[in-house]
Amino acid sequence: MYITDSAPFKDLMITEAVAGSLARPSSSKPAGAVVVRKVVPLDLVETVREGLLVLEPDLTIRFANRSFCPTFDVALEDTVGRKLFELGNGQWDIPELRKALETIISDRATIEAFEVERFFPSIGQRVMVLNARQVYRPGNKIKQILVAIEDATERVRLEREHAIAHERIAMLMQELTHRVKNSLQSIAAMVMIEARSHRSGEGKAALVRVSRRIDALGQLYAKLSKSDTVESVDAATYLDELCRDLIASVDRENGGAITLKTDIESILLPTDRAIPIGLIVNELVTNAVKYAFPSESAGTVMVALKRVPGQLRLTIADDGRGVDPRRADSGLGGRLVEGFAQQLGGKVERDSAVRALPCT
């Protein structure tokens, strides 16, 4: 497209090849011939949805298309012949835009997606996205600037509303997570108080196990409440802290010295998968301490979570005496582990034939 000093746009010659199969029957042109048709570029420009301006080097408006005037509520006669920064009440007098447009002439630079937000008395707040470049005819010293202006007000408004809504939802989820954490901690505390009221027996042990399960959930929500998202949690920090708290509580109760070793990859676990994984770890670590070291004062428990092709492998191992084959593992803890594994689409493998052989 060329812009000259005599008119904003002159006739444009468009060429097309005539293929044999597509040529009109009445056409006298042979297949493969070139047809030259004359098109008025001004007609093309007037169909463009965005506002278009042609500026002189001193930023005087030489041409404005029919989209520009109604979009910004200006009359054509009050636009053409005036400098861009004199339009309206100076809404277009933007130092950053002026500087950018001046560099187009001097450095042959371009403006790409230059966003401007201004208030117009007649149409209100508007967000505009400008693109501009120099246009000229080869051999002609006259230089002009073509500016395309998109009214992006509605798009930007929707984007901002979406961002605000997303931020509000995130804040609500954080608040909900915080309240769930506090509620779980309160429930766990009440269960533990009830457990302490029992001197011994299965009732006391059952209440302690329930309290630890609730604590495992509470720790997950504690991590979520401190993070930037409630959709996932880092496996390394969550499971490591969970295991250390479990071992510490057992040591306080039994006076033992259980050593914990962890090898947990830093993997972002979705919340709906972190919950069953945390409960599995809680059950298996508790069982390891309970059955591997019934009469010993020391031992080691190892917890690992690793990526393997197509899956995650969770390993709980100890160097205790192993599980008594005469003991049927039909307790609630075992059934919970099986159920959580199925929920995750996994399976449980046990082997107590060799000391320190892992249960995965």
Protein backbone atom coordinates (compact mmCIF):
# COMPACT_ATOMS: atom_id res chain seq x y z
CA MET A 1 0.00 0.00 0.00
CA TYR A 2 1.34 3.42 -0.97
CA ILE A 3 0.41 6.84 0.42
CA THR A 4 1.27 9.95 -1.60
CA ASP A 5 0.94 13.69 -1.17
CA SER A 6 -1.93 13.91 -3.66
CA ALA A 7 -4.34 11.47 -2.04
CA PRO A 8 -4.29 9.12 0.93
CA PHE A 9 -4.71 6.10 -1.34
CA LYS A 10 -4.37 5.52 -5.08
CA ASP A 11 -5.65 2.64 -7.14
CA LEU A 12 -4.07 -0.68 -6.29
CA MET A 13 -3.38 -3.28 -8.96
CA ILE A 14 -4.19 -6.85 -7.83
CA THR A 15 -3.06 -9.83 -9.86
CA GLU A 16 -4.44 -13.34 -9.84
CA ALA A 17 -3.53 -16.50 -11.68
CA VAL A 18 -6.31 -18.23 -13.61
CA ALA A 19 -6.15 -21.98 -13.16
CA GLY A 20 -7.59 -24.17 -15.87
CA SER A 21 -10.11 -25.91 -13.61
CA LEU A 22 -11.26 -22.67 -11.95
CA ALA A 23 -11.44 -20.37 -14.96
CA ARG A 24 -14.87 -19.12 -15.91
CA PRO A 25 -16.23 -20.68 -19.11
CA SER A 26 -16.69 -17.22 -20.61
CA SER A 27 -13.12 -16.23 -19.85
CA SER A 28 -10.96 -15.77 -22.88
CA LYS A 29 -7.82 -16.09 -20.79
CA PRO A 30 -5.94 -19.37 -21.16
CA ALA A 31 -5.25 -21.50 -18.10
CA GLY A 32 -2.35 -20.12 -16.09
CA ALA A 33 -2.72 -16.60 -17.49
CA VAL A 34 -2.55 -13.59 -15.18
CA VAL A 35 -5.60 -11.36 -14.80
CA VAL A 36 -4.98 -7.79 -13.66
CA ARG A 37 -7.84 -6.06 -11.88
CA LYS A 38 -7.97 -2.54 -10.51
CA VAL A 39 -9.09 -2.13 -6.88
CA VAL A 40 -9.49 1.11 -4.93
CA PRO A 41 -7.58 0.67 -1.63
CA LEU A 42 -9.78 3.27 0.05
CA ASP A 43 -12.73 0.87 -0.27
CA LEU A 44 -10.70 -1.82 1.46
CA VAL A 45 -9.57 0.50 4.25
CA GLU A 46 -13.12 1.62 4.98
CA THR A 47 -14.13 -2.00 5.69
CA VAL A 48 -11.54 -2.39 8.43
CA ARG A 49 -13.11 -2.63 11.90
CA GLU A 50 -10.26 -0.82 13.67
CA GLY A 51 -9.80 2.90 13.40
CA LEU A 52 -7.09 3.89 10.93
CA LEU A 53 -5.21 7.20 10.75
CA VAL A 54 -2.63 8.45 8.29
CA LEU A 55 -0.28 10.97 9.89
CA GLU A 56 2.22 13.38 8.40
CA PRO A 57 5.72 13.46 9.92
CA ASP A 58 4.61 16.36 12.15
CA LEU A 59 1.72 14.09 13.31
CA THR A 60 -0.97 16.04 11.44
CA ILE A 61 -3.87 13.76 10.56
CA ARG A 62 -4.04 13.32 6.80
CA PHE A 63 -6.74 10.63 6.69
CA ALA A 64 -9.19 8.94 9.10
CA ASN A 65 -11.31 5.97 8.10
CA ARG A 66 -15.01 5.71 8.85
CA SER A 67 -14.43 3.42 11.88
CA PHE A 68 -12.29 5.96 13.73
CA CYS A 69 -14.79 8.81 13.92
CA PRO A 70 -17.82 7.01 15.45
CA THR A 71 -15.63 4.91 17.74
CA PHE A 72 -14.18 8.00 19.40
CA ASP A 73 -17.16 10.30 18.77
CA VAL A 74 -15.40 12.87 16.60
CA ALA A 75 -16.46 14.53 13.37
CA LEU A 76 -14.36 13.93 10.27
CA GLU A 77 -14.10 17.69 9.57
CA ASP A 78 -12.77 18.24 13.11
CA THR A 79 -10.19 15.51 12.68
CA VAL A 80 -8.47 15.67 9.30
CA GLY A 81 -5.95 18.52 9.15
CA ARG A 82 -5.42 18.71 12.91
CA LYS A 83 -2.52 17.32 14.84
CA LEU A 84 -3.23 14.08 16.67
CA PHE A 85 -2.48 15.57 20.06
CA GLU A 86 -4.92 18.43 19.51
CA LEU A 87 -7.97 16.19 19.13
CA GLY A 88 -10.74 16.61 21.69
CA ASN A 89 -9.58 18.08 24.95
CA GLY A 90 -6.06 16.69 24.67
CA GLN A 91 -6.93 13.09 25.41
CA TRP A 92 -4.50 11.99 22.70
CA ASP A 93 -1.69 14.15 24.07
CA ILE A 94 0.25 11.22 25.51
CA PRO A 95 4.00 11.84 25.87
CA GLU A 96 4.91 8.14 25.54
CA LEU A 97 2.86 7.81 22.34
CA ARG A 98 4.25 11.04 20.90
CA LYS A 99 7.81 9.84 21.47
CA ALA A 100 7.07 6.42 19.97
CA LEU A 101 5.48 7.93 16.85
CA GLU A 102 8.41 10.29 16.33
CA THR A 103 10.84 7.36 16.33
CA ILE A 104 8.89 5.76 13.47
CA ILE A 105 9.97 8.57 11.14
CA SER A 106 13.52 8.94 12.42
CA ASP A 107 14.44 5.30 13.01
CA ARG A 108 11.90 3.42 10.88
CA ALA A 109 10.73 1.74 14.08
CA THR A 110 7.27 0.27 14.58
CA ILE A 111 4.75 0.36 17.39
CA GLU A 112 3.26 -2.99 18.33
CA ALA A 113 0.37 -3.44 20.79
CA PHE A 114 0.88 -0.08 22.53
CA GLU A 115 -1.87 0.05 25.18
CA VAL A 116 -3.33 3.39 26.18
CA GLU A 117 -6.10 4.10 28.67
CA ARG A 118 -7.78 7.50 28.63
CA PHE A 119 -11.04 9.17 29.64
CA PHE A 120 -13.10 10.77 26.87
CA PRO A 121 -15.86 13.17 28.02
CA SER A 122 -18.40 11.91 25.51
CA ILE A 123 -17.71 8.16 25.57
CA GLY A 124 -16.09 7.58 28.97
CA GLN A 125 -13.06 5.49 29.86
CA ARG A 126 -11.47 3.72 26.91
CA VAL A 127 -8.61 1.28 26.52
CA MET A 128 -6.94 1.43 23.11
CA VAL A 129 -4.31 -0.80 21.54
CA LEU A 130 -2.24 0.98 18.86
CA ASN A 131 -0.04 -0.41 16.10
CA ALA A 132 1.86 1.97 13.83
CA ARG A 133 4.46 1.90 11.09
CA GLN A 134 5.88 4.10 8.35
CA VAL A 135 4.46 3.80 4.83
CA TYR A 136 5.96 5.32 1.69
CA ARG A 137 6.34 4.90 -2.04
CA PRO A 138 9.80 3.77 -3.18
CA GLY A 139 11.62 6.73 -4.65
CA ASN A 140 9.30 9.23 -2.99
CA LYS A 141 10.73 11.29 -0.15
CA ILE A 142 7.37 11.87 1.49
CA LYS A 143 6.98 9.81 4.64
CA GLN A 144 3.76 9.14 6.47
CA ILE A 145 2.62 6.99 9.38
CA LEU A 146 -0.22 4.51 9.33
CA VAL A 147 -1.79 4.05 12.78
CA ALA A 148 -4.27 1.26 13.56
CA ILE A 149 -6.30 1.78 16.73
CA GLU A 150 -8.30 -1.02 18.34
CA ASP A 151 -10.90 -0.17 20.97
CA ALA A 152 -10.08 -2.93 23.47
CA THR A 153 -12.22 -1.53 26.28
CA GLU A 154 -14.68 -4.43 26.47
CA ARG A 155 -12.01 -7.12 26.17
CA VAL A 156 -9.87 -5.52 28.86
CA ARG A 157 -12.91 -5.06 31.10
CA LEU A 158 -13.76 -8.74 30.86
CA GLU A 159 -10.13 -9.74 31.49
CA ARG A 160 -9.98 -7.53 34.58
CA GLU A 161 -13.29 -8.82 35.89
CA HIS A 162 -12.06 -12.37 35.38
CA ALA A 163 -8.83 -11.60 37.24
CA ILE A 164 -10.72 -10.01 40.14
CA ALA A 165 -13.14 -12.94 40.31
CA HIS A 166 -10.24 -15.39 40.27
CA GLU A 167 -8.50 -13.48 43.05
CA ARG A 168 -11.67 -13.45 45.15
CA ILE A 169 -12.19 -17.19 44.67
CA ALA A 170 -8.56 -17.80 45.65
CA MET A 171 -9.02 -15.71 48.81
CA LEU A 172 -12.22 -17.57 49.69
CA MET A 173 -10.52 -20.92 49.16
CA GLN A 174 -7.61 -19.85 51.35
CA GLU A 175 -10.03 -18.77 54.08
CA LEU A 176 -11.97 -22.03 53.76
CA THR A 177 -8.76 -24.05 53.91
CA HIS A 178 -7.66 -22.15 57.01
CA ARG A 179 -10.98 -22.83 58.72
CA VAL A 180 -10.91 -26.52 57.78
CA LYS A 181 -7.40 -26.75 59.24
CA ASN A 182 -8.50 -25.15 62.51
CA SER A 183 -11.57 -27.39 62.70
CA LEU A 184 -9.50 -30.53 62.16
CA GLN A 185 -7.02 -29.46 64.81
CA SER A 186 -9.88 -28.88 67.26
CA ILE A 187 -11.40 -32.29 66.51
CA ALA A 188 -8.04 -34.03 66.86
CA ALA A 189 -7.46 -32.28 70.19
CA MET A 190 -10.88 -33.34 71.49
CA VAL A 191 -10.29 -36.94 70.44
CA MET A 192 -6.89 -36.95 72.15
CA ILE A 193 -8.42 -35.52 75.33
CA GLU A 194 -10.94 -38.35 75.25
CA ALA A 195 -8.13 -40.87 74.70
CA ARG A 196 -6.24 -39.58 77.73
CA SER A 197 -9.33 -40.16 79.86
CA HIS A 198 -8.91 -43.88 79.20
CA ARG A 199 -6.16 -45.50 81.20
CA SER A 200 -5.43 -48.29 78.74
CA GLY A 201 -6.99 -50.80 76.42
CA GLU A 202 -8.20 -50.92 72.87
CA GLY A 203 -10.49 -47.93 73.34
CA LYS A 204 -7.57 -45.65 74.19
CA ALA A 205 -5.44 -47.01 71.33
CA ALA A 206 -8.28 -46.59 68.84
CA LEU A 207 -8.84 -42.96 69.85
CA VAL A 208 -5.12 -42.22 69.52
CA ARG A 209 -5.12 -43.69 65.99
CA VAL A 210 -8.17 -41.61 65.04
CA SER A 211 -6.50 -38.48 66.38
CA ARG A 212 -3.40 -39.15 64.27
CA ARG A 213 -5.48 -39.64 61.15
CA ILE A 214 -7.17 -36.33 61.72
CA ASP A 215 -3.76 -34.73 62.34
CA ALA A 216 -2.57 -36.05 58.98
CA LEU A 217 -5.43 -34.22 57.27
CA GLY A 218 -4.87 -31.13 59.39
CA GLN A 219 -1.23 -30.93 58.35
CA LEU A 220 -2.20 -31.03 54.69
CA TYR A 221 -4.62 -28.15 55.12
CA ALA A 222 -2.03 -26.27 57.17
CA LYS A 223 0.34 -26.50 54.21
CA LEU A 224 -2.36 -25.40 51.79
CA SER A 225 -3.31 -22.40 53.92
CA LYS A 226 0.29 -21.14 53.78
CA SER A 227 0.80 -21.71 50.05
CA ASP A 228 -0.22 -19.66 47.03
CA THR A 229 -2.64 -22.32 45.86
CA VAL A 230 -5.12 -24.74 47.39
CA GLU A 231 -5.03 -27.04 44.38
CA SER A 232 -1.73 -28.79 45.10
CA VAL A 233 0.94 -29.30 47.74
CA ASP A 234 4.65 -30.14 47.60
CA ALA A 235 5.05 -33.79 48.49
CA ALA A 236 8.52 -33.39 49.99
CA THR A 237 7.60 -30.78 52.59
CA TYR A 238 4.17 -32.24 53.42
CA LEU A 239 5.15 -35.92 53.83
CA ASP A 240 8.47 -35.20 55.53
CA GLU A 241 6.82 -33.04 58.18
CA LEU A 242 3.99 -35.54 58.60
CA CYS A 243 6.42 -38.43 59.19
CA ARG A 244 8.58 -36.47 61.63
CA ASP A 245 5.54 -35.50 63.68
CA LEU A 246 4.42 -39.14 63.80
CA ILE A 247 7.84 -40.39 64.92
CA ALA A 248 8.13 -37.60 67.51
CA SER A 249 4.73 -38.45 69.02
CA VAL A 250 5.65 -42.14 69.29
CA ASP A 251 8.98 -41.32 70.90
CA ARG A 252 7.21 -39.15 73.47
CA GLU A 253 4.78 -41.93 74.29
CA ASN A 254 7.19 -44.88 74.36
CA GLY A 255 10.44 -43.22 75.31
CA GLY A 256 12.14 -44.85 72.32
CA ALA A 257 14.53 -43.51 69.74
CA ILE A 258 13.11 -44.20 66.30
CA THR A 259 15.20 -42.79 63.44
CA LEU A 260 13.40 -41.47 60.37
CA LYS A 261 14.95 -41.44 56.92
CA THR A 262 13.13 -39.84 54.01
CA ASP A 263 13.79 -39.75 50.28
CA ILE A 264 10.81 -37.86 48.90
CA GLU A 265 10.89 -36.12 45.55
CA SER A 266 9.65 -32.56 45.36
CA ILE A 267 6.48 -33.32 43.41
CA LEU A 268 3.37 -31.16 43.29
CA LEU A 269 0.52 -33.42 44.38
CA PRO A 270 -3.05 -32.39 43.57
CA THR A 271 -5.00 -31.97 46.80
CA ASP A 272 -7.39 -34.81 46.01
CA ARG A 273 -4.40 -37.17 45.69
CA ALA A 274 -2.33 -35.73 48.53
CA ILE A 275 -5.09 -36.59 51.04
CA PRO A 276 -5.10 -40.39 50.46
CA ILE A 277 -1.30 -40.48 50.12
CA GLY A 278 -0.90 -38.69 53.45
CA LEU A 279 -3.33 -41.06 55.14
CA ILE A 280 -1.51 -44.09 53.69
CA VAL A 281 1.79 -42.77 55.05
CA ASN A 282 0.16 -42.16 58.43
CA GLU A 283 -1.16 -45.73 58.63
CA LEU A 284 1.99 -47.47 57.40
CA VAL A 285 4.44 -45.45 59.51
CA THR A 286 2.24 -46.00 62.58
CA ASN A 287 2.10 -49.75 61.84
CA ALA A 288 5.85 -49.91 61.29
CA VAL A 289 6.51 -48.37 64.69
CA LYS A 290 3.83 -50.46 66.36
CA TYR A 291 4.76 -53.88 65.00
CA ALA A 292 8.44 -53.59 64.02
CA PHE A 293 9.75 -52.42 67.39
CA PRO A 294 7.41 -53.78 70.07
CA SER A 295 10.15 -54.37 72.63
CA GLU A 296 13.13 -52.51 71.16
CA SER A 297 14.02 -48.96 72.06
CA ALA A 298 15.57 -48.04 68.74
CA GLY A 299 15.04 -48.62 65.04
CA THR A 300 14.82 -46.95 61.64
CA VAL A 301 11.84 -46.17 59.47
CA MET A 302 12.35 -45.11 55.87
CA VAL A 303 9.79 -43.28 53.70
CA ALA A 304 10.39 -42.68 49.99
CA LEU A 305 8.33 -41.30 47.13
CA LYS A 306 9.83 -41.61 43.66
CA ARG A 307 8.76 -41.19 40.08
CA VAL A 308 9.02 -44.36 38.02
CA PRO A 309 7.88 -44.73 34.41
CA GLY A 310 4.15 -44.14 34.34
CA GLN A 311 3.59 -44.01 38.09
CA LEU A 312 4.66 -42.87 41.55
CA ARG A 313 6.10 -45.41 43.96
CA LEU A 314 5.59 -44.88 47.68
CA THR A 315 7.83 -47.02 49.89
CA ILE A 316 7.62 -47.50 53.65
CA ALA A 317 10.38 -49.68 55.13
CA ASP A 318 11.83 -50.48 58.56
CA ASP A 319 14.65 -52.56 60.03
CA GLY A 320 12.46 -54.15 62.68
CA ARG A 321 11.55 -57.78 63.17
CA GLY A 322 8.91 -57.89 60.43
CA VAL A 323 5.27 -58.85 60.62
CA ASP A 324 4.33 -62.02 62.46
CA PRO A 325 2.90 -64.34 59.77
CA ARG A 326 0.42 -65.67 62.34
CA ARG A 327 -1.12 -62.18 62.71
CA ALA A 328 -3.95 -61.60 60.31
CA ASP A 329 -3.71 -58.07 58.91
CA SER A 330 -7.43 -57.43 58.87
CA GLY A 331 -7.52 -54.35 61.08
CA LEU A 332 -9.06 -51.02 60.16
CA GLY A 333 -5.65 -49.55 59.28
CA GLY A 334 -4.98 -52.24 56.70
CA ARG A 335 -8.40 -51.85 55.15
CA LEU A 336 -7.93 -48.07 54.98
CA VAL A 337 -4.59 -48.47 53.19
CA GLU A 338 -6.14 -50.83 50.65
CA GLY A 339 -9.06 -48.46 50.11
CA PHE A 340 -6.86 -45.39 49.66
CA ALA A 341 -4.62 -47.29 47.24
CA GLN A 342 -7.63 -48.24 45.14
CA GLN A 343 -8.79 -44.62 45.21
CA LEU A 344 -5.41 -43.65 43.73
CA GLY A 345 -5.54 -46.42 41.13
CA GLY A 346 -2.62 -48.22 42.81
CA LYS A 347 -1.94 -51.42 44.69
CA VAL A 348 -0.24 -52.42 47.93
CA GLU A 349 2.70 -54.87 48.01
CA ARG A 350 4.00 -56.30 51.29
CA ASP A 351 7.07 -58.40 52.05
CA SER A 352 8.38 -59.11 55.53
CA ALA A 353 10.72 -62.00 54.70
CA VAL A 354 13.88 -59.89 54.96
CA ARG A 355 14.74 -57.18 57.44
CA ALA A 356 14.53 -53.69 55.98
CA LEU A 357 12.74 -54.99 52.90
CA PRO A 358 10.26 -52.23 51.99
CA CYS A 359 6.50 -52.39 51.98
CA THR A 360 5.27 -50.42 48.94
